[in-house]
Amino acid sequence: MSASALLLAFHLFAFPTMGAILDANTPAGGEFDTAFFYAPSQAMRKASLYSAAEARESVMVHWTYDLVYPLAYGLFFATAGRPGRRSSGP
C-alpha cells in the first residue's frame, strides 16, 4: 500500500471512528484536549470522572492519534518527494 493510500485511509476511516469512540467514552467535563495547560488538581479531577472502560478507550484513541497518525503522516512525506520509477527510454 502506498503512503498516500495509507494517509487517505487514515483520514477517511480512522479519524471518524476514533472521534466517535472518544465522544462515546468521554464523560461530561472530562475533556482533556480543550485547554493548553492544566493544574495537577484539575487533571486529577478530570481523570476521576472516567470509568475504567472509558479511560482504557480514551488512552487507545489518544495513542492512535499521537503515535500511529504521525507515523503515517511522516511516511507520506518521506516518500512523497521521492521520484517514481523512471523508464530508461523506448
PDB file of N, CA and C in Angstrom:
ATOM      1  N   MET A   1       0.861  -1.175   0.000  1.00  0.00           N
ATOM      2  CA  MET A   1       0.000   0.000   0.000  1.00  0.00           C
ATOM      3  C   MET A   1       0.904   1.234   0.000  1.00  0.00           C
ATOM      4  N   SER A   2       0.575   2.169  -0.829  1.00  0.00           N
ATOM      5  CA  SER A   2       1.391   3.380  -0.886  1.00  0.00           C
ATOM      6  C   SER A   2       1.123   4.261   0.328  1.00  0.00           C
ATOM      7  N   ALA A   3       2.057   5.146   0.599  1.00  0.00           N
ATOM      8  CA  ALA A   3       1.918   6.047   1.743  1.00  0.00           C
ATOM      9  C   ALA A   3       0.727   6.971   1.550  1.00  0.00           C
ATOM     10  N   SER A   4       0.457   7.360   0.313  1.00  0.00           N
ATOM     11  CA  SER A   4      -0.703   8.226   0.036  1.00  0.00           C
ATOM     12  C   SER A   4      -2.000   7.508   0.375  1.00  0.00           C
ATOM     13  N   ALA A   5      -2.096   6.248   0.001  1.00  0.00           N
ATOM     14  CA  ALA A   5      -3.303   5.472   0.289  1.00  0.00           C
ATOM     15  C   ALA A   5      -3.457   5.259   1.794  1.00  0.00           C
ATOM     16  N   LEU A   6      -2.352   5.025   2.484  1.00  0.00           N
ATOM     17  CA  LEU A   6      -2.391   4.849   3.929  1.00  0.00           C
ATOM     18  C   LEU A   6      -2.882   6.119   4.619  1.00  0.00           C
ATOM     19  N   LEU A   7      -2.353   7.262   4.215  1.00  0.00           N
ATOM     20  CA  LEU A   7      -2.766   8.531   4.815  1.00  0.00           C
ATOM     21  C   LEU A   7      -4.230   8.829   4.492  1.00  0.00           C
ATOM     22  N   LEU A   8      -4.647   8.583   3.268  1.00  0.00           N
ATOM     23  CA  LEU A   8      -6.042   8.803   2.876  1.00  0.00           C
ATOM     24  C   LEU A   8      -6.973   7.884   3.661  1.00  0.00           C
ATOM     25  N   ALA A   9      -6.599   6.625   3.803  1.00  0.00           N
ATOM     26  CA  ALA A   9      -7.425   5.685   4.572  1.00  0.00           C
ATOM     27  C   ALA A   9      -7.533   6.122   6.025  1.00  0.00           C
ATOM     28  N   PHE A  10      -6.445   6.622   6.580  1.00  0.00           N
ATOM     29  CA  PHE A  10      -6.476   7.095   7.961  1.00  0.00           C
ATOM     30  C   PHE A  10      -7.444   8.258   8.095  1.00  0.00           C
ATOM     31  N   HIS A  11      -7.391   9.191   7.153  1.00  0.00           N
ATOM     32  CA  HIS A  11      -8.292  10.344   7.201  1.00  0.00           C
ATOM     33  C   HIS A  11      -9.751   9.946   7.000  1.00  0.00           C
ATOM     34  N   LEU A  12     -10.003   9.028   6.107  1.00  0.00           N
ATOM     35  CA  LEU A  12     -11.386   8.654   5.792  1.00  0.00           C
ATOM     36  C   LEU A  12     -12.015   7.708   6.809  1.00  0.00           C
ATOM     37  N   PHE A  13     -11.209   6.813   7.375  1.00  0.00           N
ATOM     38  CA  PHE A  13     -11.781   5.788   8.235  1.00  0.00           C
ATOM     39  C   PHE A  13     -11.375   5.905   9.705  1.00  0.00           C
ATOM     40  N   ALA A  14     -10.113   6.134   9.971  1.00  0.00           N
ATOM     41  CA  ALA A  14      -9.647   6.129  11.361  1.00  0.00           C
ATOM     42  C   ALA A  14     -10.091   7.366  12.128  1.00  0.00           C
ATOM     43  N   PHE A  15      -9.951   8.548  11.540  1.00  0.00           N
ATOM     44  CA  PHE A  15     -10.334   9.761  12.266  1.00  0.00           C
ATOM     45  C   PHE A  15     -11.808   9.752  12.669  1.00  0.00           C
ATOM     46  N   PRO A  16     -12.737   9.479  11.756  1.00  0.00           N
ATOM     47  CA  PRO A  16     -14.143   9.456  12.179  1.00  0.00           C
ATOM     48  C   PRO A  16     -14.435   8.371  13.224  1.00  0.00           C
ATOM     49  N   THR A  17     -13.834   7.211  13.065  1.00  0.00           N
ATOM     50  CA  THR A  17     -14.048   6.120  14.020  1.00  0.00           C
ATOM     51  C   THR A  17     -13.493   6.484  15.388  1.00  0.00           C
ATOM     52  N   MET A  18     -12.271   7.008  15.423  1.00  0.00           N
ATOM     53  CA  MET A  18     -11.655   7.389  16.694  1.00  0.00           C
ATOM     54  C   MET A  18     -12.423   8.534  17.357  1.00  0.00           C
ATOM     55  N   GLY A  19     -12.919   9.466  16.563  1.00  0.00           N
ATOM     56  CA  GLY A  19     -13.717  10.561  17.117  1.00  0.00           C
ATOM     57  C   GLY A  19     -15.001  10.060  17.754  1.00  0.00           C
ATOM     58  N   ALA A  20     -15.644   9.119  17.101  1.00  0.00           N
ATOM     59  CA  ALA A  20     -16.884   8.556  17.651  1.00  0.00           C
ATOM     60  C   ALA A  20     -16.608   7.787  18.947  1.00  0.00           C
ATOM     61  N   ILE A  21     -15.511   7.024  18.980  1.00  0.00           N
ATOM     62  CA  ILE A  21     -15.149   6.291  20.197  1.00  0.00           C
ATOM     63  C   ILE A  21     -14.858   7.272  21.324  1.00  0.00           C
ATOM     64  N   LEU A  22     -14.133   8.331  21.016  1.00  0.00           N
ATOM     65  CA  LEU A  22     -13.791   9.316  22.043  1.00  0.00           C
ATOM     66  C   LEU A  22     -15.041  10.029  22.550  1.00  0.00           C
ATOM     67  N   ASP A  23     -15.931  10.408  21.650  1.00  0.00           N
ATOM     68  CA  ASP A  23     -17.181  11.063  22.064  1.00  0.00           C
ATOM     69  C   ASP A  23     -18.016  10.159  22.965  1.00  0.00           C
ATOM     70  N   ALA A  24     -18.075   8.885  22.626  1.00  0.00           N
ATOM     71  CA  ALA A  24     -18.890   7.944  23.396  1.00  0.00           C
ATOM     72  C   ALA A  24     -18.289   7.618  24.765  1.00  0.00           C
ATOM     73  N   ASN A  25     -16.986   7.807  24.910  1.00  0.00           N
ATOM     74  CA  ASN A  25     -16.312   7.402  26.149  1.00  0.00           C
ATOM     75  C   ASN A  25     -15.735   8.564  26.942  1.00  0.00           C
ATOM     76  N   THR A  26     -16.186   9.780  26.672  1.00  0.00           N
ATOM     77  CA  THR A  26     -15.717  10.939  27.435  1.00  0.00           C
ATOM     78  C   THR A  26     -16.859  11.457  28.283  1.00  0.00           C
ATOM     79  N   PRO A  27     -16.731  11.391  29.599  1.00  0.00           N
ATOM     80  CA  PRO A  27     -17.796  11.907  30.464  1.00  0.00           C
ATOM     81  C   PRO A  27     -17.863  13.430  30.392  1.00  0.00           C
ATOM     82  N   ALA A  28     -19.000  13.977  30.726  1.00  0.00           N
ATOM     83  CA  ALA A  28     -19.172  15.432  30.722  1.00  0.00           C
ATOM     84  C   ALA A  28     -18.140  16.062  31.652  1.00  0.00           C
ATOM     85  N   GLY A  29     -17.410  17.044  31.137  1.00  0.00           N
ATOM     86  CA  GLY A  29     -16.389  17.709  31.923  1.00  0.00           C
ATOM     87  C   GLY A  29     -15.059  16.991  31.957  1.00  0.00           C
ATOM     88  N   GLY A  30     -14.940  15.885  31.246  1.00  0.00           N
ATOM     89  CA  GLY A  30     -13.715  15.101  31.265  1.00  0.00           C
ATOM     90  C   GLY A  30     -12.814  15.310  30.064  1.00  0.00           C
ATOM     91  N   GLU A  31     -13.132  16.262  29.212  1.00  0.00           N
ATOM     92  CA  GLU A  31     -12.335  16.502  28.010  1.00  0.00           C
ATOM     93  C   GLU A  31     -10.977  17.094  28.392  1.00  0.00           C
ATOM     94  N   PHE A  32      -9.913  16.497  27.874  1.00  0.00           N
ATOM     95  CA  PHE A  32      -8.571  16.991  28.178  1.00  0.00           C
ATOM     96  C   PHE A  32      -8.001  17.865  27.074  1.00  0.00           C
ATOM     97  N   ASP A  33      -8.471  17.759  25.863  1.00  0.00           N
ATOM     98  CA  ASP A  33      -7.856  18.479  24.749  1.00  0.00           C
ATOM     99  C   ASP A  33      -8.473  19.844  24.483  1.00  0.00           C
ATOM    100  N   THR A  34      -9.052  20.462  25.475  1.00  0.00           N
ATOM    101  CA  THR A  34      -9.685  21.754  25.246  1.00  0.00           C
ATOM    102  C   THR A  34      -8.935  22.911  25.896  1.00  0.00           C
ATOM    103  N   ALA A  35      -7.840  22.642  26.578  1.00  0.00           N
ATOM    104  CA  ALA A  35      -7.045  23.697  27.207  1.00  0.00           C
ATOM    105  C   ALA A  35      -5.565  23.399  27.010  1.00  0.00           C
ATOM    106  N   PHE A  36      -4.769  24.429  27.020  1.00  0.00           N
ATOM    107  CA  PHE A  36      -3.338  24.278  26.809  1.00  0.00           C
ATOM    108  C   PHE A  36      -2.627  23.791  28.065  1.00  0.00           C
ATOM    109  N   PHE A  37      -3.116  24.167  29.223  1.00  0.00           N
ATOM    110  CA  PHE A  37      -2.446  23.843  30.479  1.00  0.00           C
ATOM    111  C   PHE A  37      -3.468  23.459  31.531  1.00  0.00           C
ATOM    112  N   TYR A  38      -3.134  22.479  32.337  1.00  0.00           N
ATOM    113  CA  TYR A  38      -3.968  22.070  33.461  1.00  0.00           C
ATOM    114  C   TYR A  38      -3.122  22.069  34.730  1.00  0.00           C
ATOM    115  N   ALA A  39      -3.694  22.532  35.804  1.00  0.00           N
ATOM    116  CA  ALA A  39      -3.066  22.358  37.108  1.00  0.00           C
ATOM    117  C   ALA A  39      -3.219  20.882  37.469  1.00  0.00           C
ATOM    118  N   PRO A  40      -2.311  20.331  38.247  1.00  0.00           N
ATOM    119  CA  PRO A  40      -2.441  18.919  38.619  1.00  0.00           C
ATOM    120  C   PRO A  40      -3.797  18.590  39.245  1.00  0.00           C
ATOM    121  N   SER A  41      -4.327  19.477  40.047  1.00  0.00           N
ATOM    122  CA  SER A  41      -5.633  19.205  40.672  1.00  0.00           C
ATOM    123  C   SER A  41      -6.746  19.141  39.625  1.00  0.00           C
ATOM    124  N   GLN A  42      -6.660  19.982  38.597  1.00  0.00           N
ATOM    125  CA  GLN A  42      -7.662  19.944  37.524  1.00  0.00           C
ATOM    126  C   GLN A  42      -7.563  18.637  36.739  1.00  0.00           C
ATOM    127  N   ALA A  43      -6.356  18.216  36.445  1.00  0.00           N
ATOM    128  CA  ALA A  43      -6.161  16.963  35.712  1.00  0.00           C
ATOM    129  C   ALA A  43      -6.673  15.777  36.518  1.00  0.00           C
ATOM    130  N   MET A  44      -6.401  15.767  37.808  1.00  0.00           N
ATOM    131  CA  MET A  44      -6.875  14.668  38.661  1.00  0.00           C
ATOM    132  C   MET A  44      -8.399  14.654  38.740  1.00  0.00           C
ATOM    133  N   ARG A  45      -9.020  15.831  38.807  1.00  0.00           N
ATOM    134  CA  ARG A  45     -10.480  15.901  38.846  1.00  0.00           C
ATOM    135  C   ARG A  45     -11.064  15.358  37.545  1.00  0.00           C
ATOM    136  N   LYS A  46     -10.505  15.775  36.413  1.00  0.00           N
ATOM    137  CA  LYS A  46     -10.991  15.285  35.118  1.00  0.00           C
ATOM    138  C   LYS A  46     -10.796  13.773  35.000  1.00  0.00           C
ATOM    139  N   ALA A  47      -9.636  13.290  35.388  1.00  0.00           N
ATOM    140  CA  ALA A  47      -9.343  11.863  35.281  1.00  0.00           C
ATOM    141  C   ALA A  47     -10.271  11.034  36.163  1.00  0.00           C
ATOM    142  N   SER A  48     -10.670  11.583  37.309  1.00  0.00           N
ATOM    143  CA  SER A  48     -11.543  10.834  38.221  1.00  0.00           C
ATOM    144  C   SER A  48     -12.956  10.665  37.670  1.00  0.00           C
ATOM    145  N   LEU A  49     -13.311  11.427  36.639  1.00  0.00           N
ATOM    146  CA  LEU A  49     -14.644  11.317  36.046  1.00  0.00           C
ATOM    147  C   LEU A  49     -14.791  10.076  35.164  1.00  0.00           C
ATOM    148  N   TYR A  50     -13.680   9.506  34.730  1.00  0.00           N
ATOM    149  CA  TYR A  50     -13.687   8.366  33.806  1.00  0.00           C
ATOM    150  C   TYR A  50     -13.846   7.052  34.559  1.00  0.00           C
ATOM    151  N   SER A  51     -14.655   6.158  33.984  1.00  0.00           N
ATOM    152  CA  SER A  51     -14.688   4.784  34.491  1.00  0.00           C
ATOM    153  C   SER A  51     -13.456   4.071  33.926  1.00  0.00           C
ATOM    154  N   ALA A  52     -13.181   2.876  34.388  1.00  0.00           N
ATOM    155  CA  ALA A  52     -12.018   2.127  33.892  1.00  0.00           C
ATOM    156  C   ALA A  52     -12.133   1.860  32.395  1.00  0.00           C
ATOM    157  N   ALA A  53     -13.316   1.501  31.929  1.00  0.00           N
ATOM    158  CA  ALA A  53     -13.516   1.224  30.492  1.00  0.00           C
ATOM    159  C   ALA A  53     -13.366   2.501  29.668  1.00  0.00           C
ATOM    160  N   GLU A  54     -13.912   3.613  30.154  1.00  0.00           N
ATOM    161  CA  GLU A  54     -13.784   4.885  29.431  1.00  0.00           C
ATOM    162  C   GLU A  54     -12.327   5.325  29.360  1.00  0.00           C
ATOM    163  N   ALA A  55     -11.608   5.150  30.446  1.00  0.00           N
ATOM    164  CA  ALA A  55     -10.194   5.521  30.466  1.00  0.00           C
ATOM    165  C   ALA A  55      -9.404   4.666  29.477  1.00  0.00           C
ATOM    166  N   ARG A  56      -9.687   3.374  29.428  1.00  0.00           N
ATOM    167  CA  ARG A  56      -8.995   2.465  28.510  1.00  0.00           C
ATOM    168  C   ARG A  56      -9.242   2.868  27.055  1.00  0.00           C
ATOM    169  N   GLU A  57     -10.489   3.168  26.715  1.00  0.00           N
ATOM    170  CA  GLU A  57     -10.816   3.583  25.346  1.00  0.00           C
ATOM    171  C   GLU A  57     -10.179   4.930  25.008  1.00  0.00           C
ATOM    172  N   SER A  58     -10.197   5.848  25.945  1.00  0.00           N
ATOM    173  CA  SER A  58      -9.597   7.162  25.723  1.00  0.00           C
ATOM    174  C   SER A  58      -8.098   7.058  25.480  1.00  0.00           C
ATOM    175  N   VAL A  59      -7.429   6.232  26.264  1.00  0.00           N
ATOM    176  CA  VAL A  59      -5.990   6.041  26.081  1.00  0.00           C
ATOM    177  C   VAL A  59      -5.712   5.417  24.717  1.00  0.00           C
ATOM    178  N   MET A  60      -6.504   4.444  24.307  1.00  0.00           N
ATOM    179  CA  MET A  60      -6.318   3.803  22.997  1.00  0.00           C
ATOM    180  C   MET A  60      -6.462   4.829  21.868  1.00  0.00           C
ATOM    181  N   VAL A  61      -7.478   5.679  21.958  1.00  0.00           N
ATOM    182  CA  VAL A  61      -7.691   6.692  20.916  1.00  0.00           C
ATOM    183  C   VAL A  61      -6.525   7.675  20.897  1.00  0.00           C
ATOM    184  N   HIS A  62      -6.100   8.142  22.057  1.00  0.00           N
ATOM    185  CA  HIS A  62      -5.021   9.127  22.080  1.00  0.00           C
ATOM    186  C   HIS A  62      -3.684   8.529  21.651  1.00  0.00           C
ATOM    187  N   TRP A  63      -3.414   7.269  21.957  1.00  0.00           N
ATOM    188  CA  TRP A  63      -2.204   6.626  21.454  1.00  0.00           C
ATOM    189  C   TRP A  63      -2.252   6.536  19.931  1.00  0.00           C
ATOM    190  N   THR A  64      -3.426   6.255  19.392  1.00  0.00           N
ATOM    191  CA  THR A  64      -3.561   6.189  17.937  1.00  0.00           C
ATOM    192  C   THR A  64      -3.319   7.559  17.322  1.00  0.00           C
ATOM    193  N   TYR A  65      -3.953   8.588  17.883  1.00  0.00           N
ATOM    194  CA  TYR A  65      -3.754   9.943  17.369  1.00  0.00           C
ATOM    195  C   TYR A  65      -2.302  10.390  17.499  1.00  0.00           C
ATOM    196  N   ASP A  66      -1.685  10.101  18.621  1.00  0.00           N
ATOM    197  CA  ASP A  66      -0.369  10.652  18.916  1.00  0.00           C
ATOM    198  C   ASP A  66       0.796   9.821  18.397  1.00  0.00           C
ATOM    199  N   LEU A  67       0.575   8.559  18.070  1.00  0.00           N
ATOM    200  CA  LEU A  67       1.662   7.714  17.572  1.00  0.00           C
ATOM    201  C   LEU A  67       1.439   7.210  16.149  1.00  0.00           C
ATOM    202  N   VAL A  68       0.309   6.601  15.907  1.00  0.00           N
ATOM    203  CA  VAL A  68       0.075   5.990  14.589  1.00  0.00           C
ATOM    204  C   VAL A  68      -0.078   7.050  13.509  1.00  0.00           C
ATOM    205  N   TYR A  69      -0.850   8.097  13.786  1.00  0.00           N
ATOM    206  CA  TYR A  69      -1.039   9.127  12.757  1.00  0.00           C
ATOM    207  C   TYR A  69       0.267   9.825  12.378  1.00  0.00           C
ATOM    208  N   PRO A  70       1.108  10.252  13.319  1.00  0.00           N
ATOM    209  CA  PRO A  70       2.380  10.856  12.899  1.00  0.00           C
ATOM    210  C   PRO A  70       3.259   9.907  12.095  1.00  0.00           C
ATOM    211  N   LEU A  71       3.200   8.614  12.391  1.00  0.00           N
ATOM    212  CA  LEU A  71       3.965   7.660  11.595  1.00  0.00           C
ATOM    213  C   LEU A  71       3.438   7.602  10.164  1.00  0.00           C
ATOM    214  N   ALA A  72       2.123   7.547   9.996  1.00  0.00           N
ATOM    215  CA  ALA A  72       1.534   7.531   8.649  1.00  0.00           C
ATOM    216  C   ALA A  72       1.828   8.836   7.918  1.00  0.00           C
ATOM    217  N   TYR A  73       1.690   9.944   8.625  1.00  0.00           N
ATOM    218  CA  TYR A  73       1.937  11.269   8.054  1.00  0.00           C
ATOM    219  C   TYR A  73       3.412  11.405   7.668  1.00  0.00           C
ATOM    220  N   GLY A  74       4.301  10.971   8.552  1.00  0.00           N
ATOM    221  CA  GLY A  74       5.729  11.041   8.266  1.00  0.00           C
ATOM    222  C   GLY A  74       6.130  10.155   7.106  1.00  0.00           C
ATOM    223  N   LEU A  75       5.561   8.960   7.044  1.00  0.00           N
ATOM    224  CA  LEU A  75       5.842   8.061   5.923  1.00  0.00           C
ATOM    225  C   LEU A  75       5.399   8.691   4.608  1.00  0.00           C
ATOM    226  N   PHE A  76       4.240   9.336   4.626  1.00  0.00           N
ATOM    227  CA  PHE A  76       3.750  10.013   3.423  1.00  0.00           C
ATOM    228  C   PHE A  76       4.752  11.060   2.955  1.00  0.00           C
ATOM    229  N   PHE A  77       5.195  11.924   3.864  1.00  0.00           N
ATOM    230  CA  PHE A  77       6.115  12.983   3.464  1.00  0.00           C
ATOM    231  C   PHE A  77       7.515  12.466   3.153  1.00  0.00           C
ATOM    232  N   ALA A  78       7.911  11.389   3.784  1.00  0.00           N
ATOM    233  CA  ALA A  78       9.225  10.813   3.485  1.00  0.00           C
ATOM    234  C   ALA A  78       9.259  10.223   2.082  1.00  0.00           C
ATOM    235  N   THR A  79       8.120   9.721   1.617  1.00  0.00           N
ATOM    236  CA  THR A  79       8.088   9.100   0.291  1.00  0.00           C
ATOM    237  C   THR A  79       7.494  10.004  -0.778  1.00  0.00           C
ATOM    238  N   ALA A  80       6.851  11.092  -0.404  1.00  0.00           N
ATOM    239  CA  ALA A  80       6.177  11.952  -1.381  1.00  0.00           C
ATOM    240  C   ALA A  80       7.178  12.664  -2.303  1.00  0.00           C
ATOM    241  N   GLY A  81       8.331  12.996  -1.793  1.00  0.00           N
ATOM    242  CA  GLY A  81       9.309  13.709  -2.605  1.00  0.00           C
ATOM    243  C   GLY A  81      10.175  12.822  -3.445  1.00  0.00           C
ATOM    244  N   ARG A  82      10.081  11.520  -3.222  1.00  0.00           N
ATOM    245  CA  ARG A  82      10.892  10.581  -3.979  1.00  0.00           C
ATOM    246  C   ARG A  82      10.314  10.397  -5.366  1.00  0.00           C
ATOM    247  N   PRO A  83      11.127  10.539  -6.394  1.00  0.00           N
ATOM    248  CA  PRO A  83      10.581  10.342  -7.754  1.00  0.00           C
ATOM    249  C   PRO A  83      10.189   8.895  -7.977  1.00  0.00           C
ATOM    250  N   GLY A  84       9.202   8.728  -8.816  1.00  0.00           N
ATOM    251  CA  GLY A  84       8.766   7.374  -9.173  1.00  0.00           C
ATOM    252  C   GLY A  84       9.782   6.684 -10.053  1.00  0.00           C
ATOM    253  N   ARG A  85       9.524   5.452 -10.332  1.00  0.00           N
ATOM    254  CA  ARG A  85      10.440   4.687 -11.179  1.00  0.00           C
ATOM    255  C   ARG A  85      10.371   5.216 -12.591  1.00  0.00           C
ATOM    256  N   ARG A  86      11.512   5.487 -13.147  1.00  0.00           N
ATOM    257  CA  ARG A  86      11.555   6.041 -14.496  1.00  0.00           C
ATOM    258  C   ARG A  86      12.087   4.990 -15.473  1.00  0.00           C
ATOM    259  N   SER A  87      11.510   5.011 -16.622  1.00  0.00           N
ATOM    260  CA  SER A  87      11.973   4.061 -17.622  1.00  0.00           C
ATOM    261  C   SER A  87      13.262   4.579 -18.254  1.00  0.00           C
ATOM    262  N   SER A  88      14.041   3.694 -18.814  1.00  0.00           N
ATOM    263  CA  SER A  88      15.310   4.077 -19.423  1.00  0.00           C
ATOM    264  C   SER A  88      15.140   4.510 -20.872  1.00  0.00           C
ATOM    265  N   GLY A  89      13.932   4.574 -21.295  1.00  0.00           N
ATOM    266  CA  GLY A  89      13.704   5.003 -22.672  1.00  0.00           C
ATOM    267  C   GLY A  89      12.955   3.957 -23.468  1.00  0.00           C
ATOM    268  N   PRO A  90      12.721   4.255 -24.750  1.00  0.00           N
ATOM    269  CA  PRO A  90      11.935   3.307 -25.583  1.00  0.00           C
ATOM    270  C   PRO A  90      12.654   2.050 -25.930  1.00  0.00           C
TER     271      PRO A  90
END
